[in-house]
Structures are given as C-alpha cells and as structure tokens.
C-alpha cells in the first residue's frame, strides 16, 4: 500500500494575497482572506477548483436557497464535505489527487517543460523568473491543478500511451501519436476568464455559486456532474470521462491532461478532450457570442487590458443584444447587487502563440488581469447605456491620438506608425487610472461624466506630447499643426492646455 503524503486539506499550498500559502481547510475556516494570490492562470485554476468543491458540497436549489446559505453556510458545508472526502485529497498515495497512476508508462517530462513561463530547450532566458527551479510539494500541487485546464498544446505530451481501448483521439491521420491539444481552459490563443469578486474570498465563492435552476440553463447536458476526486476516469473515453465532457464539473476541472508526479518530474499525456466554443461548449468563466456562426469568444489581448472588455461582458443587459455572454457574469451580476453593497468583476488570463501545433509564450504574449468594482451602482439599462457611450468616446479619443501622432510624423516625412501605436497605448494606460471613477459616475448623470472627460482629454494630450517632440522650430510647427482636436469630446469647445 502506497503511503498517503501531503494532504491538500491540511498542508499549506494555496497562495493568498497578503497572507502566503494556506490549506484548503484554512480557506473555508478563515473569513478574512481577501483574494487568491499567484499569477492570473493560477488564480483561475484555483478558483475553478474551489468552486468545484463548493458546487459538490452545497449546490442550492434556487436563488432563495442560495441567499439563505450565505458565505458562512457555504464554508461550513465545504468543511464537512472535505472531511468526508479527506482521503481523496493527498498529492501522493494510492489515489493521488487529480492524477492517473495508469499513465506511468508515459515519458517523464521535466516540470519546467509544462510551465508556460519557464524557458526550456532553445528558448532564450531573458530573466531569472524563466529559469527552471525545483518545486516544493506545495508548488507541485498547484501545478497539477493548473495543468487540468491550462496545459499547452504541442509535442510535450506523450500521446503514445492510450488508456481507453480503441480510442483514436491521440493519433494523427497516419496512426501515429499526435501532438497534444491545448487545455480546455486555455484554447488556441488564451481565453479571457471572468469571475465576480467579493470583499473576501468566501464571499467570492458564494457570489459565483450556481444554483440547480441556473445549471439547468447552462449548455451541459449532464448538469452538475460528479467531482473528479469522487470518481476519477479510467481512460480518455470511459463513461466517467464522457460524464465530465458534458457537465459543469468537467468544465471546472476538465482533466485535459493525465499526469502522475515522480522524482524527476511527471508522466504527462493528453487527457480528456472536450468540445470547444465552436460547438457552444465553454467554461462558465469565458464569454461567448453564440449568435455568430461560428460562435466567437473573448480572447486575452495584451494590447487591450481586460477592463476595456467591460461593455462587451455586460452586453446581455441590452434587449436582443446578440452579444457576448459569460455565465458567471450574467447569472450572478444582478443577483449580487441585491445582497452585497460592493462587489467586483475580475478578468484575466494568458495570451499564447501557436506554430505548427506547438503552443508557447513569446514576443508580446503575457499574463493580464483587471479588477473593476461596482460600488452602490444601479446596474440598470441607463447606467449601462451611459458606460457604453463613454467607452465609445474613449475609443474615439484613442483614434484621435493615433491619427494626430501619425500626421505629426508624416508632416516631417518620417514613418510614425510605431510611435502612433505607442501614443495610443499610453493613452489607454493613463485612462485606466480613472476608469473606476467613470464606472461609478455613469450612475450619477452627465455632470459627473463630463467632469471626468477633462481627465481623459488631458491623458490624450499627454500621450500626444510624450511622443511628439516640439524642441526644434520644425518640430514645433508640426506639433502645433497636428494637436489633437478634443473640443467635440469636451462639448465646451475648450481643449486642455497642452504642455509645450
């Protein structure tokens, strides 16, 4: 009998902001933890795990049951649930957590080879964070949870090992082992994930908890499903695997990789293959527009911070919008405003690149995340329409900055495309400082939003001045001729004073 070691329930391994590592038991025992720590992908993977535990322990019947449950009641039920399934949460043992002992014949990969931020092979090391280091058991537990949905596609998976007899999903047209598909929570370029966020972590879990009534309206034929640690699959296409392919549990913990830790790294192979967004199947944290053919999703864009997608994420507030829908946002946003005075919308993910079936993080790829709070805001149609208008105006301002910068360089017979793009990006970076104020002001009338427009107009001028020098007579002439015209945006015919 293999000895059980490193209990995820009792041993600290989950990063918490401003605290450090804590155990699952501490997560549901301490009410003052603010939020998860780690990089955005780790936050998403951990949030999905915690929500899977919460749904398995205490899925309420309807909104009334959900309200009666509360964050405290949810925590109590989760603690009782973890006690019941205590033996299923060991990192090592006869039933290693979310691992497949049957995959032990697969080639061993180093830990660094399966982490997107680590430079391996011929990849150039740019900083110390990219150097592979030996992981602690706590780090390995976090890695296993992350790989369930965020494994990079490519040749690192040993797909020569197939556990379900007759399964051809790991073979190419020639019958040889194929390259691994991207994890279900990652996708081709990196899905943008979204969760409601409360003042504390337990409240966050409660705000994102689906009821049975809500689950019936989700695109999962098998409903809630069974948590993987209660019944791990035997192969890629066994009955348990098929159940995960069509259930909420299977989207929270998709088991896209079959793994088994060992002394040198881990045995690593492609796991369960899930239908993607083109078939209307998506994680409940990802925004999809099912009205388009094929369906479209919101991807991570390193040139466009997640807060700029806010109106797209809330487009369901428009009648017959035919826009994007994120199940956590749509099902929980209006419900949340009735029970808590303030809550947030967290969005984040990882942008990845692909070439010949190999996924990697390179060039402009990176982690992104944003958090917007709704504080005593009436989230009705007037507020949304005001926000949509102001966002459209900000888009127009960015174009004005881009065009003015382009004209400045063109008048001097110099290529200015890169400078114009940099000026536009700087405008958006500066605008992020005041976006939270804009969200709040859209509930307070035109006087408040017009007052904020002076700030955004100043950001536009700053962006232009930063990239368009006016030191020489020639530069000064070009600078003055191409100053961004912001009078229409300000509505009062007066531009902010540009600093020479």
Protein backbone atom coordinates (compact mmCIF):
# COMPACT_ATOMS: atom_id res chain seq x y z
CA UNK A 1 0.00 0.00 0.00
CA UNK A 2 1.38 3.42 -1.00
CA UNK A 3 1.57 5.82 1.93
CA UNK A 4 -0.57 8.94 1.67
CA UNK A 5 1.51 12.12 1.78
CA UNK A 6 0.91 15.87 1.57
CA UNK A 7 -2.74 16.47 2.30
CA UNK A 8 -4.13 19.37 0.27
CA UNK A 9 -6.73 19.78 3.02
CA UNK A 10 -4.24 20.13 5.87
CA UNK A 11 -0.98 21.34 4.25
CA UNK A 12 -0.46 24.94 3.07
CA UNK A 13 -0.17 25.23 -0.74
CA UNK A 14 -2.72 27.79 -1.97
CA UNK A 15 -1.32 31.34 -2.38
CA UNK A 16 -3.43 34.03 -0.72
CA UNK A 17 -2.91 37.76 -1.29
CA UNK A 18 -1.15 39.45 1.66
CA UNK A 19 -1.03 36.15 3.59
CA UNK A 20 1.04 33.46 1.85
CA UNK A 21 0.30 29.74 1.49
CA UNK A 22 -2.70 28.20 3.19
CA UNK A 23 -4.51 24.84 3.15
CA UNK A 24 -7.98 24.02 1.85
CA UNK A 25 -9.18 23.72 5.45
CA UNK A 26 -7.92 27.23 6.18
CA UNK A 27 -9.64 28.59 3.05
CA UNK A 28 -13.03 27.56 4.40
CA UNK A 29 -12.22 28.30 8.07
CA UNK A 30 -10.81 31.83 7.80
CA UNK A 31 -13.27 34.50 6.77
CA UNK A 32 -10.73 37.31 6.43
CA UNK A 33 -8.78 36.08 3.38
CA UNK A 34 -9.20 38.78 0.77
CA UNK A 35 -8.34 37.06 -2.52
CA UNK A 36 -6.24 34.39 -4.19
CA UNK A 37 -2.60 35.09 -5.00
CA UNK A 38 -0.34 33.84 -7.78
CA UNK A 39 -0.35 34.70 -11.46
CA UNK A 40 -3.66 35.03 -13.35
CA UNK A 41 -3.66 31.43 -14.63
CA UNK A 42 -3.04 30.10 -11.13
CA UNK A 43 -5.86 32.28 -9.81
CA UNK A 44 -8.26 30.94 -12.45
CA UNK A 45 -7.28 27.30 -11.89
CA UNK A 46 -7.60 27.63 -8.11
CA UNK A 47 -10.91 29.49 -8.35
CA UNK A 48 -12.30 26.71 -10.54
CA UNK A 49 -11.11 24.09 -8.04
CA UNK A 50 -12.64 25.91 -5.08
CA UNK A 51 -15.91 26.38 -6.97
CA UNK A 52 -15.93 22.68 -7.86
CA UNK A 53 -15.61 21.86 -4.15
CA UNK A 54 -18.34 24.38 -3.33
CA UNK A 55 -20.72 23.03 -6.00
CA UNK A 56 -20.10 19.44 -4.86
CA UNK A 57 -20.68 20.38 -1.23
CA UNK A 58 -23.57 22.82 -1.35
CA UNK A 59 -25.32 23.48 -4.66
CA UNK A 60 -28.52 25.32 -3.66
CA UNK A 61 -31.83 24.67 -5.38
CA UNK A 62 -32.67 28.29 -6.30
CA UNK A 63 -31.79 31.89 -5.51
CA UNK A 64 -33.73 31.83 -2.25
CA UNK A 65 -31.77 28.80 -1.06
CA UNK A 66 -28.57 30.49 -2.25
CA UNK A 67 -29.35 33.63 -0.26
CA UNK A 68 -30.22 31.63 2.85
CA UNK A 69 -26.98 29.66 2.52
CA UNK A 70 -24.72 32.74 2.52
CA UNK A 71 -20.94 32.70 2.53
CA UNK A 72 -20.75 31.35 6.10
CA UNK A 73 -23.15 28.49 5.40
CA UNK A 74 -21.24 27.61 2.25
CA UNK A 75 -17.95 27.47 4.17
CA UNK A 76 -19.44 25.15 6.81
CA UNK A 77 -20.77 22.76 4.19
CA UNK A 78 -17.45 22.75 2.36
CA UNK A 79 -15.58 21.87 5.56
CA UNK A 80 -17.94 18.95 6.20
CA UNK A 81 -17.52 17.85 2.59
CA UNK A 82 -13.72 17.95 2.78
CA UNK A 83 -13.82 15.89 5.96
CA UNK A 84 -15.93 13.27 4.19
CA UNK A 85 -13.54 13.07 1.20
CA UNK A 86 -10.35 13.64 3.17
CA UNK A 87 -8.55 10.56 1.78
CA UNK A 88 -9.06 11.76 -1.81
CA UNK A 89 -7.02 14.95 -1.34
CA UNK A 90 -3.49 13.60 -0.96
CA UNK A 91 -0.88 14.65 -3.53
CA UNK A 92 0.84 11.25 -3.19
CA UNK A 93 -0.69 7.89 -2.35
CA UNK A 94 -2.92 5.17 -3.81
CA UNK A 95 -5.28 7.84 -5.14
CA UNK A 96 -3.04 10.85 -5.88
CA UNK A 97 -5.14 14.00 -6.28
CA UNK A 98 -6.29 14.54 -9.90
CA UNK A 99 -3.56 12.18 -11.11
CA UNK A 100 -3.65 8.94 -13.11
CA UNK A 101 -1.38 6.13 -11.84
CA UNK A 102 -2.25 4.25 -15.07
CA UNK A 103 -0.31 6.84 -17.09
CA UNK A 104 3.02 5.84 -15.51
CA UNK A 105 4.23 4.36 -18.82
CA UNK A 106 4.24 7.81 -20.44
CA UNK A 107 7.59 9.53 -20.86
CA UNK A 108 8.64 11.72 -17.93
CA UNK A 109 8.69 15.44 -18.62
CA UNK A 110 10.56 17.96 -16.51
CA UNK A 111 8.40 20.33 -14.50
CA UNK A 112 9.72 23.34 -16.40
CA UNK A 113 8.69 21.87 -19.74
CA UNK A 114 4.99 22.10 -18.86
CA UNK A 115 5.03 25.60 -17.35
CA UNK A 116 4.44 28.43 -19.88
CA UNK A 117 6.60 30.96 -18.03
CA UNK A 118 9.71 28.71 -17.87
CA UNK A 119 12.27 28.82 -20.70
CA UNK A 120 13.31 25.32 -21.82
CA UNK A 121 15.04 23.84 -24.87
CA UNK A 122 16.32 26.52 -27.26
CA UNK A 123 14.25 29.31 -25.70
CA UNK A 124 16.29 32.35 -24.72
CA UNK A 125 16.28 33.13 -20.98
CA UNK A 126 15.52 36.83 -20.52
CA UNK A 127 15.21 36.98 -16.72
CA UNK A 128 15.64 34.87 -13.60
CA UNK A 129 11.92 34.09 -13.42
CA UNK A 130 12.27 31.96 -16.57
CA UNK A 131 14.86 29.64 -15.05
CA UNK A 132 13.58 26.21 -14.02
CA UNK A 133 13.89 25.53 -10.30
CA UNK A 134 13.00 22.58 -8.11
CA UNK A 135 9.42 22.80 -6.91
CA UNK A 136 8.17 22.11 -3.41
CA UNK A 137 5.23 19.77 -2.83
CA UNK A 138 3.04 22.87 -2.43
CA UNK A 139 4.14 24.12 -5.85
CA UNK A 140 3.56 20.68 -7.39
CA UNK A 141 0.03 20.58 -6.01
CA UNK A 142 -0.65 23.95 -7.61
CA UNK A 143 0.91 22.73 -10.86
CA UNK A 144 -1.37 19.69 -11.05
CA UNK A 145 -4.46 21.85 -10.60
CA UNK A 146 -3.21 24.28 -13.25
CA UNK A 147 -2.48 21.55 -15.81
CA UNK A 148 -6.02 20.19 -15.67
CA UNK A 149 -7.21 23.05 -17.89
CA UNK A 150 -4.15 25.06 -18.91
CA UNK A 151 -1.74 22.55 -20.43
CA UNK A 152 0.00 23.96 -23.51
CA UNK A 153 -0.65 22.14 -26.76
CA UNK A 154 2.30 20.50 -28.51
CA UNK A 155 4.73 17.64 -28.53
CA UNK A 156 5.45 17.58 -24.80
CA UNK A 157 2.50 15.24 -24.18
CA UNK A 158 3.36 11.56 -24.67
CA UNK A 159 0.30 10.54 -26.69
CA UNK A 160 1.65 7.09 -27.47
CA UNK A 161 0.04 5.95 -24.20
CA UNK A 162 -3.71 5.40 -24.59
CA UNK A 163 -5.81 4.16 -21.65
CA UNK A 164 -9.18 3.68 -23.38
CA UNK A 165 -9.07 0.72 -25.76
CA UNK A 166 -9.83 1.76 -29.33
CA UNK A 167 -9.59 5.49 -28.61
CA UNK A 168 -8.12 7.31 -31.63
CA UNK A 169 -8.16 10.87 -30.29
CA UNK A 170 -4.42 10.77 -29.60
CA UNK A 171 -3.47 9.64 -33.11
CA UNK A 172 -2.99 11.56 -36.35
CA UNK A 173 -4.19 10.50 -39.82
CA UNK A 174 -1.21 8.18 -40.17
CA UNK A 175 -1.99 6.36 -36.94
CA UNK A 176 0.98 7.82 -35.07
CA UNK A 177 0.83 9.68 -31.77
CA UNK A 178 -0.42 13.23 -32.37
CA UNK A 179 0.65 16.44 -30.71
CA UNK A 180 -1.33 17.36 -27.62
CA UNK A 181 -4.31 19.69 -27.91
CA UNK A 182 -4.49 22.91 -25.92
CA UNK A 183 -6.08 22.60 -22.47
CA UNK A 184 -9.84 23.18 -22.45
CA UNK A 185 -9.48 26.32 -20.31
CA UNK A 186 -6.70 27.77 -22.47
CA UNK A 187 -7.82 27.34 -26.07
CA UNK A 188 -5.92 28.40 -29.17
CA UNK A 189 -4.84 31.93 -28.12
CA UNK A 190 -5.78 32.05 -24.44
CA UNK A 191 -9.36 32.56 -23.22
CA UNK A 192 -10.22 35.59 -21.11
CA UNK A 193 -11.78 34.31 -17.86
CA UNK A 194 -14.14 36.29 -15.65
CA UNK A 195 -15.42 35.91 -12.08
CA UNK A 196 -17.36 38.08 -9.70
CA UNK A 197 -15.24 39.10 -6.72
CA UNK A 198 -16.47 39.83 -3.23
CA UNK A 199 -14.82 41.71 -0.39
CA UNK A 200 -13.44 38.41 0.90
CA UNK A 201 -12.63 35.08 -0.75
CA UNK A 202 -15.52 33.17 0.84
CA UNK A 203 -17.92 35.82 -0.42
CA UNK A 204 -16.35 35.50 -3.87
CA UNK A 205 -17.07 31.75 -3.92
CA UNK A 206 -20.63 32.34 -2.76
CA UNK A 207 -21.28 35.02 -5.42
CA UNK A 208 -20.13 32.64 -8.17
CA UNK A 209 -22.01 29.59 -6.86
CA UNK A 210 -24.58 28.29 -9.35
CA UNK A 211 -27.98 27.03 -8.23
CA UNK A 212 -29.62 23.92 -9.64
CA UNK A 213 -32.05 26.15 -11.54
CA UNK A 214 -29.19 28.05 -13.15
CA UNK A 215 -27.29 24.89 -14.06
CA UNK A 216 -30.33 23.67 -15.99
CA UNK A 217 -29.91 26.67 -18.28
CA UNK A 218 -26.20 26.04 -18.91
CA UNK A 219 -25.02 24.11 -22.01
CA UNK A 220 -24.06 20.98 -20.05
CA UNK A 221 -26.32 18.01 -20.79
CA UNK A 222 -25.29 16.13 -17.64
CA UNK A 223 -25.91 19.11 -15.36
CA UNK A 224 -23.67 19.48 -12.33
CA UNK A 225 -21.93 16.13 -12.73
CA UNK A 226 -19.60 14.36 -10.30
CA UNK A 227 -16.38 15.83 -8.91
CA UNK A 228 -13.33 14.01 -10.35
CA UNK A 229 -11.87 13.09 -6.94
CA UNK A 230 -15.11 11.25 -6.16
CA UNK A 231 -14.83 9.19 -9.35
CA UNK A 232 -11.66 9.53 -11.41
CA UNK A 233 -11.85 8.36 -15.04
CA UNK A 234 -10.09 5.16 -16.12
CA UNK A 235 -9.26 6.49 -19.57
CA UNK A 236 -9.82 9.13 -22.19
CA UNK A 237 -13.25 7.86 -23.24
CA UNK A 238 -14.63 5.80 -20.36
CA UNK A 239 -18.12 6.51 -19.03
CA UNK A 240 -16.73 8.77 -16.31
CA UNK A 241 -14.79 10.75 -18.91
CA UNK A 242 -17.93 11.13 -21.04
CA UNK A 243 -19.75 12.40 -17.98
CA UNK A 244 -17.10 15.07 -17.43
CA UNK A 245 -17.30 16.11 -21.09
CA UNK A 246 -20.92 17.15 -20.62
CA UNK A 247 -21.11 18.53 -17.09
CA UNK A 248 -20.29 21.67 -15.15
CA UNK A 249 -17.71 19.73 -13.13
CA UNK A 250 -15.98 18.82 -16.36
CA UNK A 251 -15.63 22.49 -17.27
CA UNK A 252 -14.36 23.46 -13.81
CA UNK A 253 -11.87 20.57 -13.80
CA UNK A 254 -11.64 19.34 -17.41
CA UNK A 255 -8.77 16.85 -16.83
CA UNK A 256 -7.27 17.84 -20.17
CA UNK A 257 -4.01 16.24 -19.04
CA UNK A 258 -3.36 12.85 -17.49
CA UNK A 259 -0.43 13.33 -15.09
CA UNK A 260 1.50 11.44 -12.44
CA UNK A 261 4.25 13.05 -10.39
CA UNK A 262 7.54 11.19 -9.89
CA UNK A 263 11.02 12.02 -8.54
CA UNK A 264 12.25 13.50 -11.86
CA UNK A 265 9.17 15.39 -12.99
CA UNK A 266 5.87 13.95 -14.12
CA UNK A 267 4.42 11.43 -16.56
CA UNK A 268 2.46 13.59 -18.97
CA UNK A 269 -0.10 12.76 -21.64
CA UNK A 270 -3.21 14.28 -23.18
CA UNK A 271 -6.32 13.54 -21.15
CA UNK A 272 -10.00 14.12 -21.82
CA UNK A 273 -10.84 16.05 -24.98
CA UNK A 274 -13.72 18.50 -24.65
CA UNK A 275 -15.88 20.11 -27.32
CA UNK A 276 -14.78 23.71 -27.88
CA UNK A 277 -16.58 27.02 -28.22
CA UNK A 278 -17.42 26.44 -31.88
CA UNK A 279 -19.86 23.81 -30.64
CA UNK A 280 -21.20 26.14 -27.94
CA UNK A 281 -19.27 24.41 -25.14
CA UNK A 282 -17.26 26.74 -22.95
CA UNK A 283 -16.08 27.27 -19.37
CA UNK A 284 -18.68 29.25 -17.39
CA UNK A 285 -15.98 31.89 -16.82
CA UNK A 286 -15.43 32.53 -20.56
CA UNK A 287 -17.56 34.92 -22.62
CA UNK A 288 -19.10 33.51 -25.80
CA UNK A 289 -21.29 35.02 -28.51
CA UNK A 290 -23.43 32.06 -29.62
CA UNK A 291 -25.35 34.18 -32.15
CA UNK A 292 -22.42 34.29 -34.60
CA UNK A 293 -21.61 31.40 -36.92
CA UNK A 294 -19.24 30.04 -35.82
CA UNK A 295 -19.51 31.23 -32.24
CA UNK A 296 -16.95 33.78 -31.07
CA UNK A 297 -15.23 34.16 -27.69
CA UNK A 298 -13.25 36.87 -25.94
CA UNK A 299 -9.52 36.13 -26.06
CA UNK A 300 -6.76 37.63 -23.96
CA UNK A 301 -5.28 40.63 -25.75
CA UNK A 302 -2.06 42.07 -24.32
CA UNK A 303 -2.65 45.28 -26.30
CA UNK A 304 -6.08 45.69 -24.75
CA UNK A 305 -6.39 45.42 -21.00
CA UNK A 306 -9.35 43.32 -19.74
CA UNK A 307 -11.24 46.31 -18.31
CA UNK A 308 -11.76 47.53 -21.87
CA UNK A 309 -14.00 44.48 -22.49
CA UNK A 310 -16.42 45.52 -19.74
CA UNK A 311 -19.23 46.68 -22.04
CA UNK A 312 -18.89 43.51 -24.12
CA UNK A 313 -19.17 41.37 -20.97
CA UNK A 314 -22.29 43.28 -19.92
CA UNK A 315 -23.94 43.36 -23.35
CA UNK A 316 -26.62 40.94 -22.10
CA UNK A 317 -28.12 43.97 -20.36
CA UNK A 318 -29.31 45.20 -23.75
CA UNK A 319 -32.51 43.66 -25.07
CA UNK A 320 -31.85 41.39 -28.05
CA UNK A 321 -28.19 42.40 -27.98
CA UNK A 322 -26.94 39.17 -29.53
CA UNK A 323 -23.63 39.90 -27.82
CA UNK A 324 -21.20 38.08 -25.55
CA UNK A 325 -22.37 36.15 -22.51
CA UNK A 326 -20.27 34.91 -19.61
CA UNK A 327 -22.34 32.63 -17.41
CA UNK A 328 -20.72 33.75 -14.14
CA UNK A 329 -21.29 37.39 -15.03
CA UNK A 330 -24.78 37.05 -16.48
CA UNK A 331 -26.11 34.67 -13.82
CA UNK A 332 -24.51 36.42 -10.87
CA UNK A 333 -24.18 40.15 -11.50
CA UNK A 334 -27.77 41.30 -10.93
CA UNK A 335 -28.17 38.77 -8.12
CA UNK A 336 -25.05 40.07 -6.37
CA UNK A 337 -26.13 43.71 -6.31
CA UNK A 338 -29.18 42.74 -4.27
CA UNK A 339 -27.21 41.12 -1.44
CA UNK A 340 -23.87 42.94 -1.09
CA UNK A 341 -23.09 46.69 -1.11
CA UNK A 342 -19.98 46.27 -3.27
CA UNK A 343 -18.53 43.58 -5.50
CA UNK A 344 -16.04 43.39 -8.33
CA UNK A 345 -15.57 41.83 -11.73
CA UNK A 346 -12.17 40.17 -12.14
CA UNK A 347 -10.96 39.31 -15.65
CA UNK A 348 -7.67 37.72 -16.64
CA UNK A 349 -5.76 35.04 -18.46
CA UNK A 350 -2.67 34.26 -20.53
CA UNK A 351 -2.04 35.08 -24.17
CA UNK A 352 -0.22 32.32 -26.06
CA UNK A 353 1.07 31.82 -29.59
CA UNK A 354 0.95 28.72 -31.79
CA UNK A 355 3.11 27.44 -34.62
CA UNK A 356 2.77 24.06 -36.32
CA UNK A 357 0.68 22.73 -33.42
CA UNK A 358 3.14 23.88 -30.74
CA UNK A 359 1.92 26.43 -28.17
CA UNK A 360 4.35 28.75 -26.44
CA UNK A 361 4.65 32.12 -24.70
CA UNK A 362 6.79 34.51 -26.69
CA UNK A 363 7.08 38.06 -28.01
CA UNK A 364 4.06 40.09 -26.88
CA UNK A 365 2.43 37.15 -25.02
CA UNK A 366 1.88 37.68 -21.31
CA UNK A 367 -0.46 37.37 -18.33
CA UNK A 368 -3.17 40.03 -17.99
CA UNK A 369 -5.73 40.85 -15.30
CA UNK A 370 -8.07 43.67 -14.28
CA UNK A 371 -10.48 44.24 -11.41
CA UNK A 372 -13.43 46.66 -11.59
CA UNK A 373 -15.66 47.27 -8.56
CA UNK A 374 -19.33 48.19 -8.58
CA UNK A 375 -19.94 50.31 -5.51
CA UNK A 376 -23.55 51.32 -4.87
CA UNK A 377 -24.10 51.49 -8.61
CA UNK A 378 -27.57 50.92 -10.02
CA UNK A 379 -26.71 48.34 -12.65
CA UNK A 380 -29.65 49.11 -14.84
CA UNK A 381 -30.04 49.95 -18.51
CA UNK A 382 -29.46 53.75 -18.08
CA UNK A 383 -26.14 53.07 -16.31
CA UNK A 384 -25.07 50.57 -18.96
CA UNK A 385 -26.01 52.89 -21.82
CA UNK A 386 -24.03 55.73 -20.23
CA UNK A 387 -21.00 53.45 -19.78
CA UNK A 388 -21.28 52.22 -23.35
CA UNK A 389 -21.36 55.80 -24.62
CA UNK A 390 -18.32 56.84 -22.59
CA UNK A 391 -16.35 53.77 -23.70
CA UNK A 392 -17.16 54.53 -27.34
CA UNK A 393 -15.93 58.10 -26.77
CA UNK A 394 -12.69 56.78 -25.25
CA UNK A 395 -12.19 54.58 -28.31
CA UNK A 396 -12.63 57.67 -30.46
CA UNK A 397 -10.12 59.59 -28.33
CA UNK A 398 -7.56 56.82 -28.82
CA UNK A 399 -8.08 57.05 -32.59
CA UNK A 400 -7.66 60.84 -32.46
CA UNK A 401 -4.36 60.42 -30.60
CA UNK A 402 -3.21 57.82 -33.11
CA UNK A 403 -4.18 59.94 -36.11
CA UNK A 404 -2.66 63.15 -34.72
CA UNK A 405 0.62 61.39 -33.96
CA UNK A 406 0.71 59.83 -37.42
CA UNK A 407 0.11 63.24 -39.03
CA UNK A 408 2.83 64.81 -36.90
CA UNK A 409 5.46 62.41 -38.24
CA UNK A 410 4.05 62.38 -41.75
CA UNK A 411 4.38 66.17 -41.98
CA UNK A 412 8.09 65.68 -41.26
CA UNK A 413 8.34 62.86 -43.82
CA UNK A 414 9.08 60.28 -41.11
CA UNK A 415 7.42 56.88 -40.61
CA UNK A 416 5.29 57.25 -37.48
CA UNK A 417 3.21 54.07 -37.25
CA UNK A 418 5.05 52.64 -34.24
CA UNK A 419 5.04 55.99 -32.43
CA UNK A 420 1.32 56.44 -33.12
CA UNK A 421 0.59 52.99 -31.72
CA UNK A 422 2.73 53.76 -28.66
CA UNK A 423 0.90 57.05 -28.10
CA UNK A 424 -2.49 55.33 -28.34
CA UNK A 425 -1.32 52.63 -25.88
CA UNK A 426 -0.07 55.29 -23.48
CA UNK A 427 -3.48 56.96 -23.60
CA UNK A 428 -5.15 53.70 -22.57
CA UNK A 429 -2.63 53.11 -19.80
CA UNK A 430 -3.29 56.57 -18.37
CA UNK A 431 -7.06 56.14 -18.76
CA UNK A 432 -7.04 53.02 -16.60
CA UNK A 433 -6.32 55.25 -13.59
CA UNK A 434 -9.73 56.91 -13.90
CA UNK A 435 -11.82 54.08 -15.30
CA UNK A 436 -13.13 53.02 -11.90
CA UNK A 437 -14.31 56.59 -11.33
CA UNK A 438 -16.01 56.51 -14.73
CA UNK A 439 -17.88 53.28 -13.85
CA UNK A 440 -19.19 54.96 -10.71
CA UNK A 441 -20.01 58.26 -12.45
CA UNK A 442 -22.21 56.65 -15.11
CA UNK A 443 -24.85 56.25 -12.42
CA UNK A 444 -24.70 59.93 -11.43
CA UNK A 445 -25.65 61.82 -14.58
CA UNK A 446 -23.91 63.79 -17.33
CA UNK A 447 -22.46 66.38 -14.98
CA UNK A 448 -20.22 63.77 -13.36
CA UNK A 449 -19.17 62.06 -16.58
CA UNK A 450 -18.47 65.41 -18.25
CA UNK A 451 -16.24 66.38 -15.33
CA UNK A 452 -14.24 63.18 -15.84
CA UNK A 453 -13.90 63.86 -19.56
CA UNK A 454 -11.44 66.63 -18.69
CA UNK A 455 -9.16 63.97 -17.20
CA UNK A 456 -9.35 61.70 -20.22
CA UNK A 457 -8.80 64.64 -22.57
CA UNK A 458 -5.69 65.54 -20.58
CA UNK A 459 -4.50 61.93 -20.94
CA UNK A 460 -4.92 62.25 -24.72
CA UNK A 461 -2.86 65.44 -24.74
CA UNK A 462 -0.20 63.85 -22.54
CA UNK A 463 0.06 60.84 -24.85
CA UNK A 464 0.44 63.10 -27.89
CA UNK A 465 3.00 65.37 -26.21
CA UNK A 466 5.04 62.43 -24.94
CA UNK A 467 5.59 61.04 -28.44
CA UNK A 468 5.60 64.27 -30.47
CA UNK A 469 8.55 66.46 -29.56
CA UNK A 470 8.45 70.23 -30.05
CA UNK A 471 12.07 71.16 -29.38
CA UNK A 472 13.11 72.49 -32.81
CA UNK A 473 11.27 75.03 -34.95
CA UNK A 474 10.32 72.31 -37.43
CA UNK A 475 9.02 70.03 -34.66
CA UNK A 476 7.13 72.88 -33.02
CA UNK A 477 5.40 73.73 -36.29
CA UNK A 478 4.38 70.09 -36.88
CA UNK A 479 3.32 69.73 -33.24
CA UNK A 480 1.09 72.81 -33.35
CA UNK A 481 -0.47 71.90 -36.71
CA UNK A 482 -1.46 68.39 -35.57
CA UNK A 483 -2.63 68.96 -31.99
CA UNK A 484 -5.48 66.52 -31.23
CA UNK A 485 -8.85 68.25 -31.62
CA UNK A 486 -10.70 67.37 -28.42
CA UNK A 487 -13.36 70.09 -28.47
CA UNK A 488 -16.16 67.78 -29.59
CA UNK A 489 -15.33 65.31 -26.82
CA UNK A 490 -15.27 68.04 -24.17
CA UNK A 491 -18.54 69.55 -25.51
CA UNK A 492 -17.48 73.03 -24.47
CA UNK A 493 -15.14 73.93 -27.29
CA UNK A 494 -12.13 74.25 -24.98
CA UNK A 495 -9.18 71.91 -25.24
CA UNK A 496 -7.00 71.19 -22.22
CA UNK A 497 -3.83 73.21 -22.21
CA UNK A 498 -1.08 71.20 -23.84
CA UNK A 499 2.30 71.38 -22.20
CA UNK A 500 4.92 72.60 -24.63
